[in-house]
């Protein structure tokens, strides 16, 4: 078990931030540490399923798309002169979005999604999110996934949601990585149950700072043979190295 925590400390990387529920899994880790080993083997599966349910599985309930990391212009005091300053700010934001700035497109989509300074319109929100997502904006990709998952502005389609979760996860979104881990563990969202893949995505999300994912990775490691654990950890290291290289290349002028 300590191997995973060493790995997570060594390969922490900058991933998209998102809000998450309190790390209930740490309570299970305490339980895990004090139970005799002969009881642990019998309890591991039920504990892990319980922990996943408490950690915020997006497919288990209706979840609204989240503004994970809006640009500074997205946070406007809506009570301040809505006919003046706000309309000017929105006009400037729309101009940036029309010019192709993905952060502005995402922020504008969030405005339409939540009705902030504009009339709420899921279709318009999806349009701007899609423009941003086409430029590999992980926040927009995640929001599109959740819209398809819950049928917001689109026909509910779990397969399409899964594709967008994968795109966002590949772009470093830790909440999407966590969601994929849950889906792979439980065999949800049209994906077959795949314990090694669940371990991979939980480990990646944990490396990005998602505490519930890190705790799930610790529990799943007990269910896998050591050789499989070593293989997946090597794959995770390679993934993070390649992600950091892509990130560095994208930030070059």
Foldseek 3Di string as FASTA:
>chain_A
DVVLVVLLVVQFDAFQAADWDPQPLVVVVVVLVPDDPVVCVVCLVVSLVVLLVVGCQCLVDQDAQDQRDADPLLDDDLVPPLVPPVVVSLVVLVVVLVVQDLNSLQSVLVCLCVVRSHPNDQLSSLVSLVSSVVVLPLSSLQNVLSCLCNVRNHPNALLSSLVSLVSSVLLRHLVSLQNVLVCQCVVPSVRGNDLLSSLLSLSSSVSNPDNNSSSSNVSSVVVDDPVSVVVSSVVSSVSSVVSVVVVVVVPDD
